[in-house]
Amino acid sequence: MTDNTDNAVAAPAVSNTVKRLEEEGEIGADYLEELLDIADLGGDIDIDVDHGRASIAIVASEEGDERELADLVGRDGEVLEAVQELTRLAVQARTGNRSRLMLDINGYRAGRREELTKIAAEAVARVHASGETVSLAPMNPFERKVCHDVVAAAGLVSESEGAEPHRHVVIMLPEEDDEPGIDDAGSADSAESAEGAEQAQD
């Protein structure tokens, strides 16, 4: 009886969350569409809800758009990060709530996630083989979060060290008293990436 009541209460809550995230996506898409018009860039905008956040992807609609959209990605995704933050601020201005919206352009994040997953998996293998700590190259919060997730899934421990823009992930074997996953230093990478607060210390 209690379970049925709990489920009945949870269903509207989930529905309201999805509705709110869809609204975030629509607002973000409107902002990005205007940005593309101003910059005279072509591209289709896809909206989704993924892993509890609004997700927007700008993809090439015609031949040649890919090269133009590359300018919105920038070197190592730097322009993409800036455009994502501007889009989040545009959503916040409309809704009054901080946005965790994720933006991808030209499939950059998807491709980078695959690349980072491979890099982190190789580092995990090195730690298992040698027992020694392995440090990865400096990364932005999104990239560190991907690596932390891979390490946690492999049963090892990771943390973030250093200050931006040199902040990087360090991977190590768990101590006997440690549970696999991200330690206190690395856990804020998850929050930092989720909230898009690149300026925060994790």
C-alpha atoms as a PDB file:
ATOM      1  CA  MET A   1       0.000   0.000   0.000  1.00  0.00           C
ATOM      2  CA  THR A   2       2.773   2.388   0.962  1.00  0.00           C
ATOM      3  CA  ASP A   3       4.763   1.491  -2.148  1.00  0.00           C
ATOM      4  CA  ASN A   4       1.810   2.302  -4.387  1.00  0.00           C
ATOM      5  CA  THR A   5       1.354   5.657  -2.665  1.00  0.00           C
ATOM      6  CA  ASP A   6       5.048   6.466  -3.005  1.00  0.00           C
ATOM      7  CA  ASN A   7       4.963   5.579  -6.696  1.00  0.00           C
ATOM      8  CA  ALA A   8       1.911   7.749  -7.226  1.00  0.00           C
ATOM      9  CA  VAL A   9       3.711  10.701  -5.641  1.00  0.00           C
ATOM     10  CA  ALA A  10       6.973  10.054  -7.483  1.00  0.00           C
ATOM     11  CA  ALA A  11       5.407   9.896 -10.947  1.00  0.00           C
ATOM     12  CA  PRO A  12       4.210  13.536 -11.027  1.00  0.00           C
ATOM     13  CA  ALA A  13       7.553  14.664  -9.551  1.00  0.00           C
ATOM     14  CA  VAL A  14       9.458  12.950 -12.366  1.00  0.00           C
ATOM     15  CA  SER A  15       7.040  14.356 -14.928  1.00  0.00           C
ATOM     16  CA  ASN A  16       7.485  17.877 -13.570  1.00  0.00           C
ATOM     17  CA  THR A  17      11.273  17.528 -13.652  1.00  0.00           C
ATOM     18  CA  VAL A  18      11.241  16.379 -17.270  1.00  0.00           C
ATOM     19  CA  LYS A  19       8.887  19.218 -18.173  1.00  0.00           C
ATOM     20  CA  ARG A  20      11.206  21.743 -16.499  1.00  0.00           C
ATOM     21  CA  LEU A  21      14.248  20.347 -18.299  1.00  0.00           C
ATOM     22  CA  GLU A  22      12.416  20.382 -21.628  1.00  0.00           C
ATOM     23  CA  GLU A  23      11.594  24.038 -20.989  1.00  0.00           C
ATOM     24  CA  GLU A  24      15.294  24.710 -20.303  1.00  0.00           C
ATOM     25  CA  GLY A  25      16.129  23.034 -23.586  1.00  0.00           C
ATOM     26  CA  GLU A  26      13.605  25.119 -25.509  1.00  0.00           C
ATOM     27  CA  ILE A  27      14.905  28.371 -24.006  1.00  0.00           C
ATOM     28  CA  GLY A  28      18.501  27.360 -24.671  1.00  0.00           C
ATOM     29  CA  ALA A  29      17.657  26.368 -28.240  1.00  0.00           C
ATOM     30  CA  ASP A  30      16.002  29.743 -28.883  1.00  0.00           C
ATOM     31  CA  TYR A  31      19.115  31.516 -27.627  1.00  0.00           C
ATOM     32  CA  LEU A  32      21.415  29.377 -29.750  1.00  0.00           C
ATOM     33  CA  GLU A  33      19.241  29.773 -32.841  1.00  0.00           C
ATOM     34  CA  GLU A  34      19.525  33.537 -32.479  1.00  0.00           C
ATOM     35  CA  LEU A  35      23.282  33.201 -31.994  1.00  0.00           C
ATOM     36  CA  LEU A  36      23.599  31.144 -35.178  1.00  0.00           C
ATOM     37  CA  ASP A  37      21.566  33.729 -37.091  1.00  0.00           C
ATOM     38  CA  ILE A  38      23.743  36.593 -35.847  1.00  0.00           C
ATOM     39  CA  ALA A  39      26.915  34.693 -36.746  1.00  0.00           C
ATOM     40  CA  ASP A  40      25.377  33.635 -40.079  1.00  0.00           C
ATOM     41  CA  LEU A  41      26.083  29.977 -39.324  1.00  0.00           C
ATOM     42  CA  GLY A  42      24.006  27.016 -40.452  1.00  0.00           C
ATOM     43  CA  GLY A  43      23.051  24.058 -38.308  1.00  0.00           C
ATOM     44  CA  ASP A  44      20.174  22.057 -36.865  1.00  0.00           C
ATOM     45  CA  ILE A  45      19.427  22.156 -33.146  1.00  0.00           C
ATOM     46  CA  ASP A  46      18.376  18.957 -31.365  1.00  0.00           C
ATOM     47  CA  ILE A  47      16.918  19.048 -27.843  1.00  0.00           C
ATOM     48  CA  ASP A  48      16.861  16.133 -25.398  1.00  0.00           C
ATOM     49  CA  VAL A  49      16.818  15.312 -21.693  1.00  0.00           C
ATOM     50  CA  ASP A  50      19.796  13.167 -20.740  1.00  0.00           C
ATOM     51  CA  HIS A  51      21.048  12.024 -17.328  1.00  0.00           C
ATOM     52  CA  GLY A  52      18.836  14.478 -15.463  1.00  0.00           C
ATOM     53  CA  ARG A  53      19.710  17.589 -17.434  1.00  0.00           C
ATOM     54  CA  ALA A  54      18.688  19.409 -20.581  1.00  0.00           C
ATOM     55  CA  SER A  55      20.880  18.492 -23.524  1.00  0.00           C
ATOM     56  CA  ILE A  56      21.272  20.457 -26.753  1.00  0.00           C
ATOM     57  CA  ALA A  57      23.243  19.438 -29.822  1.00  0.00           C
ATOM     58  CA  ILE A  58      24.026  21.644 -32.808  1.00  0.00           C
ATOM     59  CA  VAL A  59      24.683  19.521 -35.878  1.00  0.00           C
ATOM     60  CA  ALA A  60      25.525  20.375 -39.471  1.00  0.00           C
ATOM     61  CA  SER A  61      22.439  20.606 -41.667  1.00  0.00           C
ATOM     62  CA  GLU A  62      24.236  21.076 -44.970  1.00  0.00           C
ATOM     63  CA  GLU A  63      27.611  20.328 -46.474  1.00  0.00           C
ATOM     64  CA  GLY A  64      30.042  22.987 -45.336  1.00  0.00           C
ATOM     65  CA  ASP A  65      28.240  23.675 -42.045  1.00  0.00           C
ATOM     66  CA  GLU A  66      30.632  21.349 -40.248  1.00  0.00           C
ATOM     67  CA  ARG A  67      33.626  23.540 -41.039  1.00  0.00           C
ATOM     68  CA  GLU A  68      31.750  26.675 -39.990  1.00  0.00           C
ATOM     69  CA  LEU A  69      30.512  25.142 -36.743  1.00  0.00           C
ATOM     70  CA  ALA A  70      34.081  24.144 -35.895  1.00  0.00           C
ATOM     71  CA  ASP A  71      34.622  27.811 -35.002  1.00  0.00           C
ATOM     72  CA  LEU A  72      32.003  27.419 -32.248  1.00  0.00           C
ATOM     73  CA  VAL A  73      33.972  24.512 -30.813  1.00  0.00           C
ATOM     74  CA  GLY A  74      37.361  26.188 -30.846  1.00  0.00           C
ATOM     75  CA  ARG A  75      40.684  24.803 -29.758  1.00  0.00           C
ATOM     76  CA  ASP A  76      40.212  21.966 -27.258  1.00  0.00           C
ATOM     77  CA  GLY A  77      36.539  22.932 -26.971  1.00  0.00           C
ATOM     78  CA  GLU A  78      37.279  26.295 -25.347  1.00  0.00           C
ATOM     79  CA  VAL A  79      34.702  28.206 -27.401  1.00  0.00           C
ATOM     80  CA  LEU A  80      32.150  25.436 -26.849  1.00  0.00           C
ATOM     81  CA  GLU A  81      32.576  25.772 -23.076  1.00  0.00           C
ATOM     82  CA  ALA A  82      32.039  29.536 -23.317  1.00  0.00           C
ATOM     83  CA  VAL A  83      28.942  29.179 -25.517  1.00  0.00           C
ATOM     84  CA  GLN A  84      27.547  26.570 -23.125  1.00  0.00           C
ATOM     85  CA  GLU A  85      28.006  28.914 -20.175  1.00  0.00           C
ATOM     86  CA  LEU A  86      26.340  31.788 -22.047  1.00  0.00           C
ATOM     87  CA  THR A  87      23.430  29.498 -22.902  1.00  0.00           C
ATOM     88  CA  ARG A  88      23.084  28.463 -19.266  1.00  0.00           C
ATOM     89  CA  LEU A  89      23.032  32.114 -18.224  1.00  0.00           C
ATOM     90  CA  ALA A  90      20.352  32.847 -20.833  1.00  0.00           C
ATOM     91  CA  VAL A  91      18.238  30.025 -19.409  1.00  0.00           C
ATOM     92  CA  GLN A  92      18.805  31.246 -15.852  1.00  0.00           C
ATOM     93  CA  ALA A  93      17.749  34.762 -16.833  1.00  0.00           C
ATOM     94  CA  ARG A  94      14.424  33.378 -18.071  1.00  0.00           C
ATOM     95  CA  THR A  95      13.702  30.776 -15.396  1.00  0.00           C
ATOM     96  CA  GLY A  96      15.403  32.260 -12.341  1.00  0.00           C
ATOM     97  CA  ASN A  97      17.068  28.901 -11.702  1.00  0.00           C
ATOM     98  CA  ARG A  98      20.638  27.846 -12.334  1.00  0.00           C
ATOM     99  CA  SER A  99      20.890  25.606 -15.384  1.00  0.00           C
ATOM    100  CA  ARG A 100      22.921  22.404 -15.763  1.00  0.00           C
ATOM    101  CA  LEU A 101      22.289  22.300 -19.497  1.00  0.00           C
ATOM    102  CA  MET A 102      24.878  20.479 -21.596  1.00  0.00           C
ATOM    103  CA  LEU A 103      25.759  21.666 -25.090  1.00  0.00           C
ATOM    104  CA  ASP A 104      27.475  19.700 -27.827  1.00  0.00           C
ATOM    105  CA  ILE A 105      28.479  21.064 -31.227  1.00  0.00           C
ATOM    106  CA  ASN A 106      29.461  18.922 -34.196  1.00  0.00           C
ATOM    107  CA  GLY A 107      29.614  15.879 -31.913  1.00  0.00           C
ATOM    108  CA  TYR A 108      32.730  17.248 -30.208  1.00  0.00           C
ATOM    109  CA  ARG A 109      31.771  16.200 -26.673  1.00  0.00           C
ATOM    110  CA  ALA A 110      30.631  12.744 -27.769  1.00  0.00           C
ATOM    111  CA  GLY A 111      33.914  12.176 -29.581  1.00  0.00           C
ATOM    112  CA  ARG A 112      35.943  13.608 -26.735  1.00  0.00           C
ATOM    113  CA  ARG A 113      34.105  11.403 -24.224  1.00  0.00           C
ATOM    114  CA  GLU A 114      35.086   8.299 -26.208  1.00  0.00           C
ATOM    115  CA  GLU A 115      38.687   9.478 -26.390  1.00  0.00           C
ATOM    116  CA  LEU A 116      38.850  10.247 -22.663  1.00  0.00           C
ATOM    117  CA  THR A 117      37.240   6.932 -21.751  1.00  0.00           C
ATOM    118  CA  LYS A 118      40.033   5.163 -23.620  1.00  0.00           C
ATOM    119  CA  ILE A 119      42.724   7.358 -22.018  1.00  0.00           C
ATOM    120  CA  ALA A 120      41.350   6.759 -18.515  1.00  0.00           C
ATOM    121  CA  ALA A 121      40.985   3.010 -19.118  1.00  0.00           C
ATOM    122  CA  GLU A 122      44.616   2.783 -20.252  1.00  0.00           C
ATOM    123  CA  ALA A 123      45.711   4.704 -17.146  1.00  0.00           C
ATOM    124  CA  VAL A 124      43.668   2.361 -14.947  1.00  0.00           C
ATOM    125  CA  ALA A 125      45.432  -0.607 -16.561  1.00  0.00           C
ATOM    126  CA  ARG A 126      48.825   0.987 -15.829  1.00  0.00           C
ATOM    127  CA  VAL A 127      47.898   1.525 -12.183  1.00  0.00           C
ATOM    128  CA  HIS A 128      46.736  -2.088 -11.860  1.00  0.00           C
ATOM    129  CA  ALA A 129      49.934  -3.352 -13.483  1.00  0.00           C
ATOM    130  CA  SER A 130      52.422  -1.215 -11.568  1.00  0.00           C
ATOM    131  CA  GLY A 131      50.595  -0.276  -8.391  1.00  0.00           C
ATOM    132  CA  GLU A 132      51.916   3.245  -8.933  1.00  0.00           C
ATOM    133  CA  THR A 133      49.898   6.462  -9.081  1.00  0.00           C
ATOM    134  CA  VAL A 134      49.251   7.791 -12.591  1.00  0.00           C
ATOM    135  CA  SER A 135      48.608  11.463 -13.412  1.00  0.00           C
ATOM    136  CA  LEU A 136      46.683  12.490 -16.514  1.00  0.00           C
ATOM    137  CA  ALA A 137      47.151  15.646 -18.565  1.00  0.00           C
ATOM    138  CA  PRO A 138      45.382  18.861 -17.474  1.00  0.00           C
ATOM    139  CA  MET A 139      41.691  18.835 -18.375  1.00  0.00           C
ATOM    140  CA  ASN A 140      38.588  20.961 -18.007  1.00  0.00           C
ATOM    141  CA  PRO A 141      35.846  19.976 -15.504  1.00  0.00           C
ATOM    142  CA  PHE A 142      33.792  18.034 -18.075  1.00  0.00           C
ATOM    143  CA  GLU A 143      36.834  16.010 -19.111  1.00  0.00           C
ATOM    144  CA  ARG A 144      37.885  15.311 -15.527  1.00  0.00           C
ATOM    145  CA  LYS A 145      34.371  14.146 -14.692  1.00  0.00           C
ATOM    146  CA  VAL A 146      34.472  11.615 -17.538  1.00  0.00           C
ATOM    147  CA  CYS A 147      37.783  10.259 -16.238  1.00  0.00           C
ATOM    148  CA  HIS A 148      36.567  10.115 -12.629  1.00  0.00           C
ATOM    149  CA  ASP A 149      33.572   8.048 -13.747  1.00  0.00           C
ATOM    150  CA  VAL A 150      35.764   5.573 -15.648  1.00  0.00           C
ATOM    151  CA  VAL A 151      38.117   5.199 -12.686  1.00  0.00           C
ATOM    152  CA  ALA A 152      35.273   4.682 -10.202  1.00  0.00           C
ATOM    153  CA  ALA A 153      33.699   2.038 -12.452  1.00  0.00           C
ATOM    154  CA  ALA A 154      37.048   0.220 -12.500  1.00  0.00           C
ATOM    155  CA  GLY A 155      37.185   0.139  -8.698  1.00  0.00           C
ATOM    156  CA  LEU A 156      40.093   2.550  -8.282  1.00  0.00           C
ATOM    157  CA  VAL A 157      40.361   5.964  -6.632  1.00  0.00           C
ATOM    158  CA  SER A 158      40.849   9.298  -8.380  1.00  0.00           C
ATOM    159  CA  GLU A 159      41.283  12.874  -7.289  1.00  0.00           C
ATOM    160  CA  SER A 160      41.884  16.238  -8.919  1.00  0.00           C
ATOM    161  CA  GLU A 161      45.071  18.147  -8.169  1.00  0.00           C
ATOM    162  CA  GLY A 162      46.457  21.539  -9.132  1.00  0.00           C
ATOM    163  CA  ALA A 163      44.871  24.843 -10.070  1.00  0.00           C
ATOM    164  CA  GLU A 164      43.218  25.781 -13.343  1.00  0.00           C
ATOM    165  CA  PRO A 165      44.238  25.594 -16.119  1.00  0.00           C
ATOM    166  CA  HIS A 166      46.660  22.899 -14.952  1.00  0.00           C
ATOM    167  CA  ARG A 167      44.168  20.935 -12.851  1.00  0.00           C
ATOM    168  CA  HIS A 168      44.427  17.226 -13.622  1.00  0.00           C
ATOM    169  CA  VAL A 169      43.218  13.802 -12.530  1.00  0.00           C
ATOM    170  CA  VAL A 170      45.397  11.502 -10.435  1.00  0.00           C
ATOM    171  CA  ILE A 171      44.543   7.787 -10.360  1.00  0.00           C
ATOM    172  CA  MET A 172      45.640   5.372  -7.642  1.00  0.00           C
ATOM    173  CA  LEU A 173      44.865   2.042  -6.017  1.00  0.00           C
ATOM    174  CA  PRO A 174      42.411   2.298  -3.121  1.00  0.00           C
ATOM    175  CA  GLU A 175      43.781   1.909   0.374  1.00  0.00           C
ATOM    176  CA  GLU A 176      42.288  -0.819   2.528  1.00  0.00           C
ATOM    177  CA  ASP A 177      39.946   1.582   4.303  1.00  0.00           C
ATOM    178  CA  ASP A 178      38.975   3.427   1.111  1.00  0.00           C
ATOM    179  CA  GLU A 179      35.944   2.707  -0.992  1.00  0.00           C
ATOM    180  CA  PRO A 180      36.535   2.851  -4.756  1.00  0.00           C
ATOM    181  CA  GLY A 181      35.530   6.085  -6.409  1.00  0.00           C
ATOM    182  CA  ILE A 182      36.318   9.762  -6.223  1.00  0.00           C
ATOM    183  CA  ASP A 183      37.838  11.187  -3.061  1.00  0.00           C
ATOM    184  CA  ASP A 184      36.876  14.517  -1.492  1.00  0.00           C
ATOM    185  CA  ALA A 185      39.091  16.467  -3.879  1.00  0.00           C
ATOM    186  CA  GLY A 186      37.733  14.788  -6.979  1.00  0.00           C
ATOM    187  CA  SER A 187      34.089  14.686  -5.973  1.00  0.00           C
ATOM    188  CA  ALA A 188      33.681  18.396  -6.583  1.00  0.00           C
ATOM    189  CA  ASP A 189      34.702  17.845 -10.182  1.00  0.00           C
ATOM    190  CA  SER A 190      31.376  16.085 -10.546  1.00  0.00           C
ATOM    191  CA  ALA A 191      29.499  18.990  -9.018  1.00  0.00           C
ATOM    192  CA  GLU A 192      31.653  21.500 -10.857  1.00  0.00           C
ATOM    193  CA  SER A 193      30.947  19.871 -14.203  1.00  0.00           C
ATOM    194  CA  ALA A 194      27.296  19.370 -13.387  1.00  0.00           C
ATOM    195  CA  GLU A 195      26.769  22.974 -12.434  1.00  0.00           C
ATOM    196  CA  GLY A 196      29.156  24.378 -15.021  1.00  0.00           C
ATOM    197  CA  ALA A 197      31.022  26.421 -12.425  1.00  0.00           C
ATOM    198  CA  GLU A 198      34.472  26.254 -13.971  1.00  0.00           C
ATOM    199  CA  GLN A 199      35.720  28.898 -11.593  1.00  0.00           C
ATOM    200  CA  ALA A 200      34.974  26.818  -8.485  1.00  0.00           C
ATOM    201  CA  GLN A 201      37.736  24.888  -6.780  1.00  0.00           C
ATOM    202  CA  ASP A 202      37.131  21.143  -6.694  1.00  0.00           C
END
